[in-house]
Amino acid sequence: MSHLEIAAFILNVLGVWLTSKQYRICWLVNIVAVILYMILFYQVNLFADAALQAVFVIMQIYGWYSWSKATVDRPLRAGYMQKPIMLKSIAIGAVGGLFLGLLFSVYTQASLPWLDSMLASFSLVASYWAAKKYIESWAMWCILDAIYVLMYLYKSLNLTAFLYFLFILLALNGWRMWKQQWKAE
């Protein structure tokens, strides 16, 4: 367990908690956290995960923008997505994961290229859903984080595995909170 992993751990917990509370500052905290994990994942040859963290920086900026453009007259509220959006997103996630898996399995010495790539691709889907404040984003994160826990244990990233276990708990809480807000409105 390195200092880098510890710092990334702390900032990620804080970032997800801030997201569940719907504080816009979450996006800035998450940018720093994903940069730290980008470095860590590169060091352990999880190249799809490292690349994912780089893309997450862009997604965090998009989330900040999306949440910031809401106004008193037009607030961005948590809600459920339409089925066609969900199906299209899942299809894009699967195709993206297969494409990345092929690239990383053929052209790199990536560890677990197919699993890492599918998780990375669907993490982008879940991030997009969160930026749009789709309640389903939390369910997707629960599933992904459970698989991430196993992958990080396999890679002996025990603190990161624990972090992703905490992410499951935070996602369940975020899911509950966003659903309650949706019902109240």
Protein backbone atom coordinates (compact mmCIF):
# COMPACT_ATOMS: atom_id res chain seq x y z
CA MET A 1 0.00 0.00 0.00
CA SER A 2 1.59 3.23 -1.17
CA HIS A 3 1.08 6.86 -0.18
CA LEU A 4 -0.39 7.36 -3.64
CA GLU A 5 -3.02 4.68 -3.05
CA ILE A 6 -3.87 6.11 0.38
CA ALA A 7 -4.33 9.65 -0.98
CA ALA A 8 -6.42 8.38 -3.91
CA PHE A 9 -8.51 6.35 -1.47
CA ILE A 10 -9.28 9.33 0.76
CA LEU A 11 -10.15 11.67 -2.10
CA ASN A 12 -12.34 9.07 -3.82
CA VAL A 13 -14.41 8.44 -0.69
CA LEU A 14 -14.84 12.17 -0.24
CA GLY A 15 -15.74 12.66 -3.90
CA VAL A 16 -18.42 9.96 -3.99
CA TRP A 17 -19.90 11.18 -0.71
CA LEU A 18 -20.06 14.73 -2.09
CA THR A 19 -21.70 13.38 -5.26
CA SER A 20 -24.37 11.56 -3.27
CA LYS A 21 -25.06 14.83 -1.42
CA GLN A 22 -25.24 16.58 -4.82
CA TYR A 23 -22.56 19.16 -3.97
CA ARG A 24 -20.99 20.51 -7.17
CA ILE A 25 -17.55 20.57 -5.56
CA CYS A 26 -17.62 16.77 -5.92
CA TRP A 27 -16.49 17.12 -9.53
CA LEU A 28 -13.30 19.00 -8.58
CA VAL A 29 -12.42 16.54 -5.81
CA ASN A 30 -13.06 13.68 -8.20
CA ILE A 31 -10.69 15.18 -10.80
CA VAL A 32 -7.77 15.06 -8.37
CA ALA A 33 -8.75 11.57 -7.18
CA VAL A 34 -8.90 10.11 -10.68
CA ILE A 35 -5.53 11.60 -11.61
CA LEU A 36 -3.97 9.83 -8.63
CA TYR A 37 -5.59 6.53 -9.59
CA MET A 38 -4.56 7.00 -13.23
CA ILE A 39 -0.95 6.98 -12.06
CA LEU A 40 -1.46 4.01 -9.72
CA PHE A 41 -3.26 1.85 -12.29
CA TYR A 42 -0.59 2.54 -14.88
CA GLN A 43 2.03 1.37 -12.37
CA VAL A 44 0.27 -2.02 -11.97
CA ASN A 45 -0.40 -2.54 -15.71
CA LEU A 46 -4.15 -1.99 -15.57
CA PHE A 47 -3.93 0.10 -18.72
CA ALA A 48 -7.65 0.25 -19.49
CA ASP A 49 -8.27 1.43 -15.94
CA ALA A 50 -5.49 4.02 -16.26
CA ALA A 51 -6.96 5.24 -19.55
CA LEU A 52 -10.40 5.26 -17.95
CA GLN A 53 -9.13 7.59 -15.24
CA ALA A 54 -7.84 9.97 -17.93
CA VAL A 55 -11.26 9.95 -19.59
CA PHE A 56 -12.85 10.40 -16.16
CA VAL A 57 -11.13 13.78 -15.94
CA ILE A 58 -13.11 14.81 -19.01
CA MET A 59 -16.28 13.23 -17.59
CA GLN A 60 -15.77 15.10 -14.31
CA ILE A 61 -15.51 18.37 -16.25
CA TYR A 62 -18.71 17.43 -18.12
CA GLY A 63 -20.44 16.62 -14.82
CA TRP A 64 -19.34 19.96 -13.38
CA TYR A 65 -20.67 21.73 -16.48
CA SER A 66 -23.91 19.75 -16.52
CA TRP A 67 -24.65 20.43 -12.85
CA SER A 68 -23.51 24.06 -13.13
CA LYS A 69 -25.77 25.00 -16.04
CA ALA A 70 -28.83 24.23 -13.93
CA THR A 71 -30.59 27.35 -12.70
CA VAL A 72 -33.32 28.14 -10.24
CA ASP A 73 -35.74 28.22 -13.16
CA ARG A 74 -34.35 25.02 -14.71
CA PRO A 75 -32.74 22.85 -12.02
CA LEU A 76 -31.16 19.53 -12.94
CA ARG A 77 -33.07 17.04 -10.83
CA ALA A 78 -32.45 13.38 -10.24
CA GLY A 79 -34.80 11.15 -12.19
CA TYR A 80 -35.19 7.91 -14.08
CA MET A 81 -34.00 7.57 -17.65
CA GLN A 82 -36.09 6.41 -20.56
CA LYS A 83 -35.65 2.79 -21.62
CA PRO A 84 -34.27 3.60 -25.10
CA ILE A 85 -31.51 5.72 -23.53
CA MET A 86 -30.65 2.88 -21.15
CA LEU A 87 -30.54 0.26 -23.90
CA LYS A 88 -28.44 2.46 -26.19
CA SER A 89 -26.04 3.24 -23.33
CA ILE A 90 -25.63 -0.44 -22.46
CA ALA A 91 -25.00 -1.33 -26.10
CA ILE A 92 -22.38 1.43 -26.39
CA GLY A 93 -20.75 0.20 -23.16
CA ALA A 94 -20.55 -3.38 -24.48
CA VAL A 95 -19.13 -2.36 -27.87
CA GLY A 96 -16.65 -0.02 -26.21
CA GLY A 97 -15.53 -2.75 -23.82
CA LEU A 98 -15.02 -5.25 -26.63
CA PHE A 99 -13.08 -2.71 -28.69
CA LEU A 100 -10.82 -1.75 -25.78
CA GLY A 101 -10.37 -5.38 -24.78
CA LEU A 102 -9.17 -6.24 -28.26
CA LEU A 103 -6.77 -3.29 -28.33
CA PHE A 104 -5.29 -3.96 -24.91
CA SER A 105 -5.05 -7.73 -25.38
CA VAL A 106 -3.26 -7.45 -28.73
CA TYR A 107 -1.09 -4.35 -28.36
CA THR A 108 -0.11 -4.22 -24.68
CA GLN A 109 1.01 -6.39 -21.81
CA ALA A 110 -2.14 -5.39 -19.93
CA SER A 111 -3.19 -7.43 -16.97
CA LEU A 112 -6.78 -8.70 -17.36
CA PRO A 113 -7.37 -6.74 -20.59
CA TRP A 114 -10.92 -7.96 -21.28
CA LEU A 115 -12.30 -7.56 -17.77
CA ASP A 116 -10.48 -4.28 -17.24
CA SER A 117 -11.78 -2.95 -20.57
CA MET A 118 -15.41 -3.94 -19.97
CA LEU A 119 -15.33 -2.36 -16.52
CA ALA A 120 -13.74 0.78 -17.93
CA SER A 121 -16.30 1.09 -20.70
CA PHE A 122 -19.30 0.57 -18.44
CA SER A 123 -17.81 2.97 -15.89
CA LEU A 124 -18.01 5.65 -18.56
CA VAL A 125 -21.67 4.78 -19.07
CA ALA A 126 -22.31 5.06 -15.32
CA SER A 127 -20.44 8.37 -15.19
CA TYR A 128 -22.53 9.78 -18.02
CA TRP A 129 -25.68 8.64 -16.23
CA ALA A 130 -24.49 10.34 -13.00
CA ALA A 131 -23.76 13.58 -14.87
CA LYS A 132 -27.34 13.48 -16.17
CA LYS A 133 -28.53 12.64 -12.63
CA TYR A 134 -30.14 9.38 -13.69
CA ILE A 135 -31.00 7.41 -10.58
CA GLU A 136 -30.00 4.19 -12.37
CA SER A 137 -26.38 5.36 -12.29
CA TRP A 138 -26.17 4.20 -8.68
CA ALA A 139 -27.37 0.68 -9.56
CA MET A 140 -24.78 0.47 -12.33
CA TRP A 141 -22.08 1.60 -9.93
CA CYS A 142 -23.09 -1.08 -7.40
CA ILE A 143 -22.65 -3.81 -10.01
CA LEU A 144 -19.40 -2.44 -11.40
CA ASP A 145 -17.90 -1.78 -7.99
CA ALA A 146 -18.61 -5.34 -6.84
CA ILE A 147 -16.65 -6.66 -9.82
CA TYR A 148 -13.90 -4.09 -9.27
CA VAL A 149 -13.51 -5.32 -5.67
CA LEU A 150 -12.68 -8.80 -6.96
CA MET A 151 -10.30 -7.53 -9.63
CA TYR A 152 -8.39 -5.32 -7.21
CA LEU A 153 -8.10 -8.13 -4.67
CA TYR A 154 -6.66 -10.29 -7.44
CA LYS A 155 -4.14 -7.52 -8.22
CA SER A 156 -3.25 -7.20 -4.48
CA LEU A 157 -4.58 -3.62 -4.38
CA ASN A 158 -6.26 -4.32 -1.06
CA LEU A 159 -6.90 -0.72 -0.04
CA THR A 160 -8.38 0.00 -3.45
CA ALA A 161 -10.56 -3.13 -3.17
CA PHE A 162 -11.76 -1.83 0.19
CA LEU A 163 -12.40 1.57 -1.40
CA TYR A 164 -14.62 -0.03 -4.03
CA PHE A 165 -16.46 -1.94 -1.30
CA LEU A 166 -17.10 1.44 0.35
CA PHE A 167 -18.20 2.74 -3.06
CA ILE A 168 -20.93 0.08 -3.05
CA LEU A 169 -22.18 1.35 0.30
CA LEU A 170 -21.96 4.96 -0.84
CA ALA A 171 -23.75 4.08 -4.10
CA LEU A 172 -26.55 2.41 -2.17
CA ASN A 173 -26.86 5.55 -0.07
CA GLY A 174 -26.77 7.82 -3.12
CA TRP A 175 -29.38 5.65 -4.79
CA ARG A 176 -31.63 5.97 -1.73
CA MET A 177 -31.11 9.73 -1.46
CA TRP A 178 -31.74 10.48 -5.14
CA LYS A 179 -34.80 8.24 -5.16
CA GLN A 180 -36.20 10.03 -2.08
CA GLN A 181 -35.60 13.40 -3.73
CA TRP A 182 -37.34 12.20 -6.90
CA LYS A 183 -40.37 10.97 -4.91
CA ALA A 184 -40.55 14.24 -2.96
CA GLU A 185 -40.65 16.27 -6.17
